[in-house]
Amino acid sequence: MQIVFHSRNANLAEDFRGIAQEKLESLERFGVRLDEMKVEIKHEVNPHHGKNSHSVVLTTHGSGPFMRAEGEAFNDLAAFDKAVEAIELQIRKIHEREKDVARETLRQKSVNE
């Protein structure tokens, strides 16, 4: 999975990219195809926004399903965690839908044999 970072009005911490790559690469464990993940970080300068001055938007692109998740918090990493949590729920839902589950009961198996 290719990860693209884009920031607006924000200075990213030195370790942000490494932490973000680790968390996003861990989403591959579900087996849902994700070609590219775009991470957009925005910082609102307006003091009216207060605790939600940082926002992170995660968007998937490519041959897999299109997903988008947002997170807002007091710093970039907390907003990123909220966005990852939201997109993980979407990926988990897709993974569960794609599972091949045989819904036969024991009675149906014994009658068919």
C-alpha atoms as a PDB file:
ATOM      1  CA  MET A   1       0.000   0.000   0.000  1.00  0.00           C
ATOM      2  CA  GLN A   2       1.289   3.408  -0.961  1.00  0.00           C
ATOM      3  CA  ILE A   3       0.788   6.144   1.656  1.00  0.00           C
ATOM      4  CA  VAL A   4       0.651   9.794   0.555  1.00  0.00           C
ATOM      5  CA  PHE A   5       0.853  12.607   3.137  1.00  0.00           C
ATOM      6  CA  HIS A   6      -0.529  16.058   2.436  1.00  0.00           C
ATOM      7  CA  SER A   7      -0.627  18.822   5.038  1.00  0.00           C
ATOM      8  CA  ARG A   8      -2.286  22.224   5.007  1.00  0.00           C
ATOM      9  CA  ASN A   9      -1.222  24.920   7.476  1.00  0.00           C
ATOM     10  CA  ALA A  10       0.372  22.225   9.626  1.00  0.00           C
ATOM     11  CA  ASN A  11       3.888  21.396  10.733  1.00  0.00           C
ATOM     12  CA  LEU A  12       4.091  17.663  11.272  1.00  0.00           C
ATOM     13  CA  ALA A  13       6.024  16.153  14.158  1.00  0.00           C
ATOM     14  CA  GLU A  14       9.154  14.249  13.184  1.00  0.00           C
ATOM     15  CA  ASP A  15       7.804  10.878  14.265  1.00  0.00           C
ATOM     16  CA  PHE A  16       4.289  11.370  12.839  1.00  0.00           C
ATOM     17  CA  ARG A  17       5.053   9.768   9.468  1.00  0.00           C
ATOM     18  CA  GLY A  18       6.584   6.663  11.043  1.00  0.00           C
ATOM     19  CA  ILE A  19       3.715   6.174  13.475  1.00  0.00           C
ATOM     20  CA  ALA A  20       1.157   6.761  10.723  1.00  0.00           C
ATOM     21  CA  GLN A  21       2.801   4.261   8.364  1.00  0.00           C
ATOM     22  CA  GLU A  22       2.870   1.571  11.062  1.00  0.00           C
ATOM     23  CA  LYS A  23      -0.804   2.007  11.893  1.00  0.00           C
ATOM     24  CA  LEU A  24      -1.935   2.126   8.278  1.00  0.00           C
ATOM     25  CA  GLU A  25       0.138  -0.895   7.290  1.00  0.00           C
ATOM     26  CA  SER A  26      -1.450  -2.854  10.141  1.00  0.00           C
ATOM     27  CA  LEU A  27      -4.805  -2.453   8.346  1.00  0.00           C
ATOM     28  CA  GLU A  28      -3.566  -4.868   5.671  1.00  0.00           C
ATOM     29  CA  ARG A  29      -4.193  -7.766   8.082  1.00  0.00           C
ATOM     30  CA  PHE A  30      -7.869  -7.772   7.041  1.00  0.00           C
ATOM     31  CA  GLY A  31      -7.023  -8.740   3.468  1.00  0.00           C
ATOM     32  CA  VAL A  32      -9.023  -5.907   1.899  1.00  0.00           C
ATOM     33  CA  ARG A  33      -7.172  -4.558  -1.131  1.00  0.00           C
ATOM     34  CA  LEU A  34      -5.992  -0.974  -0.607  1.00  0.00           C
ATOM     35  CA  ASP A  35      -3.685   0.409  -3.309  1.00  0.00           C
ATOM     36  CA  GLU A  36      -3.207   3.935  -1.995  1.00  0.00           C
ATOM     37  CA  MET A  37      -4.076   5.727   1.232  1.00  0.00           C
ATOM     38  CA  LYS A  38      -4.097   9.526   1.237  1.00  0.00           C
ATOM     39  CA  VAL A  39      -3.553  11.214   4.612  1.00  0.00           C
ATOM     40  CA  GLU A  40      -4.585  14.874   4.653  1.00  0.00           C
ATOM     41  CA  ILE A  41      -3.699  16.897   7.764  1.00  0.00           C
ATOM     42  CA  LYS A  42      -5.295  20.310   8.318  1.00  0.00           C
ATOM     43  CA  HIS A  43      -4.743  22.820  11.083  1.00  0.00           C
ATOM     44  CA  GLU A  44      -7.371  25.487  11.722  1.00  0.00           C
ATOM     45  CA  VAL A  45      -5.797  28.707  12.983  1.00  0.00           C
ATOM     46  CA  ASN A  46      -9.109  30.171  14.151  1.00  0.00           C
ATOM     47  CA  PRO A  47      -9.148  29.982  17.997  1.00  0.00           C
ATOM     48  CA  HIS A  48     -12.913  29.450  17.907  1.00  0.00           C
ATOM     49  CA  HIS A  49     -12.316  25.790  16.955  1.00  0.00           C
ATOM     50  CA  GLY A  50     -10.333  25.230  20.157  1.00  0.00           C
ATOM     51  CA  LYS A  51     -10.017  21.537  20.942  1.00  0.00           C
ATOM     52  CA  ASN A  52     -10.862  20.479  17.388  1.00  0.00           C
ATOM     53  CA  SER A  53      -8.287  22.662  15.667  1.00  0.00           C
ATOM     54  CA  HIS A  54      -6.489  19.699  14.033  1.00  0.00           C
ATOM     55  CA  SER A  55      -8.244  17.415  11.565  1.00  0.00           C
ATOM     56  CA  VAL A  56      -7.087  14.379   9.616  1.00  0.00           C
ATOM     57  CA  VAL A  57      -8.860  12.908   6.602  1.00  0.00           C
ATOM     58  CA  LEU A  58      -8.006   9.397   5.366  1.00  0.00           C
ATOM     59  CA  THR A  59      -9.061   8.455   1.844  1.00  0.00           C
ATOM     60  CA  THR A  60      -8.427   5.228  -0.064  1.00  0.00           C
ATOM     61  CA  HIS A  61      -7.837   5.104  -3.798  1.00  0.00           C
ATOM     62  CA  GLY A  62      -7.278   2.289  -6.257  1.00  0.00           C
ATOM     63  CA  SER A  63      -8.867  -0.984  -7.215  1.00  0.00           C
ATOM     64  CA  GLY A  64     -10.327  -1.715  -3.769  1.00  0.00           C
ATOM     65  CA  PRO A  65     -13.352  -0.088  -2.168  1.00  0.00           C
ATOM     66  CA  PHE A  66     -13.471   3.690  -1.744  1.00  0.00           C
ATOM     67  CA  MET A  67     -13.438   4.703   1.909  1.00  0.00           C
ATOM     68  CA  ARG A  68     -13.124   8.008   3.696  1.00  0.00           C
ATOM     69  CA  ALA A  69     -12.757   8.763   7.403  1.00  0.00           C
ATOM     70  CA  GLU A  70     -12.241  11.949   9.377  1.00  0.00           C
ATOM     71  CA  GLY A  71     -10.924  12.683  12.837  1.00  0.00           C
ATOM     72  CA  GLU A  72     -10.710  15.951  14.762  1.00  0.00           C
ATOM     73  CA  ALA A  73      -8.833  16.553  18.010  1.00  0.00           C
ATOM     74  CA  PHE A  74      -6.450  18.851  19.864  1.00  0.00           C
ATOM     75  CA  ASN A  75      -3.326  17.561  18.042  1.00  0.00           C
ATOM     76  CA  ASP A  76      -2.431  15.733  14.841  1.00  0.00           C
ATOM     77  CA  LEU A  77      -1.777  12.333  16.378  1.00  0.00           C
ATOM     78  CA  ALA A  78      -5.038  12.230  18.350  1.00  0.00           C
ATOM     79  CA  ALA A  79      -6.993  13.257  15.239  1.00  0.00           C
ATOM     80  CA  PHE A  80      -5.151  10.592  13.234  1.00  0.00           C
ATOM     81  CA  ASP A  81      -6.058   7.932  15.823  1.00  0.00           C
ATOM     82  CA  LYS A  82      -9.748   8.835  15.545  1.00  0.00           C
ATOM     83  CA  ALA A  83      -9.609   8.665  11.743  1.00  0.00           C
ATOM     84  CA  VAL A  84      -7.798   5.300  11.785  1.00  0.00           C
ATOM     85  CA  GLU A  85     -10.387   3.918  14.187  1.00  0.00           C
ATOM     86  CA  ALA A  86     -13.200   5.023  11.854  1.00  0.00           C
ATOM     87  CA  ILE A  87     -11.600   3.573   8.720  1.00  0.00           C
ATOM     88  CA  GLU A  88     -10.741   0.339  10.548  1.00  0.00           C
ATOM     89  CA  LEU A  89     -14.436  -0.147  11.303  1.00  0.00           C
ATOM     90  CA  GLN A  90     -15.230   0.275   7.608  1.00  0.00           C
ATOM     91  CA  ILE A  91     -12.513  -2.181   6.581  1.00  0.00           C
ATOM     92  CA  ARG A  92     -13.625  -4.673   9.232  1.00  0.00           C
ATOM     93  CA  LYS A  93     -17.194  -4.463   7.928  1.00  0.00           C
ATOM     94  CA  ILE A  94     -16.040  -5.140   4.348  1.00  0.00           C
ATOM     95  CA  HIS A  95     -13.867  -8.030   5.561  1.00  0.00           C
ATOM     96  CA  GLU A  96     -16.792  -9.618   7.406  1.00  0.00           C
ATOM     97  CA  ARG A  97     -19.023  -9.278   4.337  1.00  0.00           C
ATOM     98  CA  GLU A  98     -16.459 -10.987   2.115  1.00  0.00           C
ATOM     99  CA  LYS A  99     -16.051 -14.025   4.368  1.00  0.00           C
ATOM    100  CA  ASP A 100     -17.243 -17.311   2.918  1.00  0.00           C
ATOM    101  CA  VAL A 101     -19.367 -18.847   5.634  1.00  0.00           C
ATOM    102  CA  ALA A 102     -21.133 -22.162   5.103  1.00  0.00           C
ATOM    103  CA  ARG A 103     -24.496 -21.808   6.785  1.00  0.00           C
ATOM    104  CA  GLU A 104     -25.449 -25.465   6.738  1.00  0.00           C
ATOM    105  CA  THR A 105     -26.753 -27.109   9.862  1.00  0.00           C
ATOM    106  CA  LEU A 106     -25.953 -30.650  10.933  1.00  0.00           C
ATOM    107  CA  ARG A 107     -29.433 -31.822   9.865  1.00  0.00           C
ATOM    108  CA  GLN A 108     -28.956 -30.553   6.338  1.00  0.00           C
ATOM    109  CA  LYS A 109     -25.613 -32.313   6.053  1.00  0.00           C
ATOM    110  CA  SER A 110     -26.989 -35.690   7.248  1.00  0.00           C
ATOM    111  CA  VAL A 111     -29.995 -35.511   4.864  1.00  0.00           C
ATOM    112  CA  ASN A 112     -27.773 -34.684   1.894  1.00  0.00           C
ATOM    113  CA  GLU A 113     -25.385 -37.592   2.578  1.00  0.00           C
END
